[in-house]
Amino acid sequence: MMLSNHPLLHNFLLEAAESMPQQESLVAFVRKLYDRFYLREPADDELFAVTDYLKARRDRLPEAIAQVMWALTCSAEFRFNH
C-alpha cells in the first residue's frame, strides 16, 4: 500500500528522475531502468511501450520518468524479486 499511495515514494522518484542525465537516447535510458529495477534487459514490447510513453511526454519528461519508475517499483516482478 505504501508503494501505491505514499507521497514520500512519489517525491523520491521525481527527484531521481530529475537528476537523470538527459543526453542519452530514450532507448538506452529505458534499458538502464530495466537493468536497475529488474536486473535484466527489457523485452522488445516493454522497450517499445516505455519508450513510446516517454516520447509522448517529452514536455514533462521528469514526471513521466517518475511514473515509469513507480510502475516498475509497484510491479509484481519487482516486489517478488526484491
C-alpha atoms as a PDB file:
ATOM      1  CA  MET A   1       0.000   0.000   0.000  1.00  0.00           C
ATOM      2  CA  MET A   2       2.834   2.415   0.786  1.00  0.00           C
ATOM      3  CA  LEU A   3       4.266   1.925  -2.685  1.00  0.00           C
ATOM      4  CA  SER A   4       0.969   2.799  -4.283  1.00  0.00           C
ATOM      5  CA  ASN A   5      -0.045   5.831  -2.279  1.00  0.00           C
ATOM      6  CA  HIS A   6       2.754   7.348  -0.229  1.00  0.00           C
ATOM      7  CA  PRO A   7       3.946  10.834  -1.230  1.00  0.00           C
ATOM      8  CA  LEU A   8       7.425  10.014   0.097  1.00  0.00           C
ATOM      9  CA  LEU A   9       7.914   7.459  -2.674  1.00  0.00           C
ATOM     10  CA  HIS A  10       6.452   9.807  -5.280  1.00  0.00           C
ATOM     11  CA  ASN A  11       8.797  12.635  -4.225  1.00  0.00           C
ATOM     12  CA  PHE A  12      11.804  10.305  -4.153  1.00  0.00           C
ATOM     13  CA  LEU A  13      11.085   9.038  -7.672  1.00  0.00           C
ATOM     14  CA  LEU A  14      10.507  12.541  -9.020  1.00  0.00           C
ATOM     15  CA  GLU A  15      13.804  13.753  -7.551  1.00  0.00           C
ATOM     16  CA  ALA A  16      15.592  10.723  -9.019  1.00  0.00           C
ATOM     17  CA  ALA A  17      14.011  11.335 -12.418  1.00  0.00           C
ATOM     18  CA  GLU A  18      15.021  14.994 -12.405  1.00  0.00           C
ATOM     19  CA  SER A  19      18.631  14.037 -11.681  1.00  0.00           C
ATOM     20  CA  MET A  20      18.831  11.594 -14.609  1.00  0.00           C
ATOM     21  CA  PRO A  21      21.069  12.725 -17.464  1.00  0.00           C
ATOM     22  CA  GLN A  22      19.006  13.893 -20.432  1.00  0.00           C
ATOM     23  CA  GLN A  23      21.753  13.392 -23.039  1.00  0.00           C
ATOM     24  CA  GLU A  24      21.304   9.692 -23.638  1.00  0.00           C
ATOM     25  CA  SER A  25      18.748   8.241 -26.020  1.00  0.00           C
ATOM     26  CA  LEU A  26      15.418   7.126 -24.617  1.00  0.00           C
ATOM     27  CA  VAL A  27      16.114   3.537 -25.691  1.00  0.00           C
ATOM     28  CA  ALA A  28      19.409   3.493 -23.772  1.00  0.00           C
ATOM     29  CA  PHE A  29      17.704   5.122 -20.802  1.00  0.00           C
ATOM     30  CA  VAL A  30      14.878   2.557 -20.728  1.00  0.00           C
ATOM     31  CA  ARG A  31      17.419  -0.273 -20.964  1.00  0.00           C
ATOM     32  CA  LYS A  32      19.239   1.236 -17.976  1.00  0.00           C
ATOM     33  CA  LEU A  33      15.990   1.500 -15.988  1.00  0.00           C
ATOM     34  CA  TYR A  34      15.168  -2.159 -16.570  1.00  0.00           C
ATOM     35  CA  ASP A  35      18.687  -3.167 -15.630  1.00  0.00           C
ATOM     36  CA  ARG A  36      18.492  -1.190 -12.383  1.00  0.00           C
ATOM     37  CA  PHE A  37      14.994  -2.286 -11.418  1.00  0.00           C
ATOM     38  CA  TYR A  38      14.837  -5.848 -12.747  1.00  0.00           C
ATOM     39  CA  LEU A  39      18.485  -6.756 -13.423  1.00  0.00           C
ATOM     40  CA  ARG A  40      17.558  -7.690 -16.983  1.00  0.00           C
ATOM     41  CA  GLU A  41      17.057  -6.271 -20.443  1.00  0.00           C
ATOM     42  CA  PRO A  42      13.518  -5.194 -21.335  1.00  0.00           C
ATOM     43  CA  ALA A  43      11.620  -7.386 -23.769  1.00  0.00           C
ATOM     44  CA  ASP A  44      11.002  -5.775 -27.145  1.00  0.00           C
ATOM     45  CA  ASP A  45       7.380  -4.972 -26.320  1.00  0.00           C
ATOM     46  CA  GLU A  46       8.377  -3.453 -22.952  1.00  0.00           C
ATOM     47  CA  LEU A  47      11.075  -1.366 -24.598  1.00  0.00           C
ATOM     48  CA  PHE A  48       8.658  -0.133 -27.256  1.00  0.00           C
ATOM     49  CA  ALA A  49       5.873   0.653 -24.774  1.00  0.00           C
ATOM     50  CA  VAL A  50       8.024   2.592 -22.306  1.00  0.00           C
ATOM     51  CA  THR A  51       9.971   4.439 -24.990  1.00  0.00           C
ATOM     52  CA  ASP A  52       6.726   5.377 -26.726  1.00  0.00           C
ATOM     53  CA  TYR A  53       5.255   6.547 -23.409  1.00  0.00           C
ATOM     54  CA  LEU A  54       8.257   8.784 -22.713  1.00  0.00           C
ATOM     55  CA  LYS A  55       8.367  10.185 -26.263  1.00  0.00           C
ATOM     56  CA  ALA A  56       4.735  11.250 -25.951  1.00  0.00           C
ATOM     57  CA  ARG A  57       5.585  13.160 -22.754  1.00  0.00           C
ATOM     58  CA  ARG A  58       8.847  14.908 -23.696  1.00  0.00           C
ATOM     59  CA  ASP A  59       7.396  18.217 -22.500  1.00  0.00           C
ATOM     60  CA  ARG A  60       7.161  16.803 -18.969  1.00  0.00           C
ATOM     61  CA  LEU A  61       9.839  14.130 -19.065  1.00  0.00           C
ATOM     62  CA  PRO A  62      10.848  14.088 -15.350  1.00  0.00           C
ATOM     63  CA  GLU A  63       7.254  13.391 -14.311  1.00  0.00           C
ATOM     64  CA  ALA A  64       6.902  10.714 -16.996  1.00  0.00           C
ATOM     65  CA  ILE A  65      10.147   9.048 -15.901  1.00  0.00           C
ATOM     66  CA  ALA A  66       8.964   9.111 -12.274  1.00  0.00           C
ATOM     67  CA  GLN A  67       5.705   7.457 -13.351  1.00  0.00           C
ATOM     68  CA  VAL A  68       7.601   4.722 -15.197  1.00  0.00           C
ATOM     69  CA  MET A  69       9.843   4.136 -12.181  1.00  0.00           C
ATOM     70  CA  TRP A  70       6.759   3.989  -9.947  1.00  0.00           C
ATOM     71  CA  ALA A  71       5.175   1.405 -12.264  1.00  0.00           C
ATOM     72  CA  LEU A  72       8.360  -0.686 -12.256  1.00  0.00           C
ATOM     73  CA  THR A  73       8.576  -0.457  -8.455  1.00  0.00           C
ATOM     74  CA  CYS A  74       4.943  -1.487  -7.948  1.00  0.00           C
ATOM     75  CA  SER A  75       5.119  -4.413 -10.353  1.00  0.00           C
ATOM     76  CA  ALA A  76       4.864  -7.991  -9.188  1.00  0.00           C
ATOM     77  CA  GLU A  77       8.281  -8.724 -10.690  1.00  0.00           C
ATOM     78  CA  PHE A  78       9.950  -6.062  -8.550  1.00  0.00           C
ATOM     79  CA  ARG A  79       8.067  -6.977  -5.358  1.00  0.00           C
ATOM     80  CA  PHE A  80       8.832 -10.681  -5.599  1.00  0.00           C
ATOM     81  CA  ASN A  81      12.466 -10.265  -6.623  1.00  0.00           C
ATOM     82  CA  HIS A  82      13.405  -7.661  -4.021  1.00  0.00           C
END
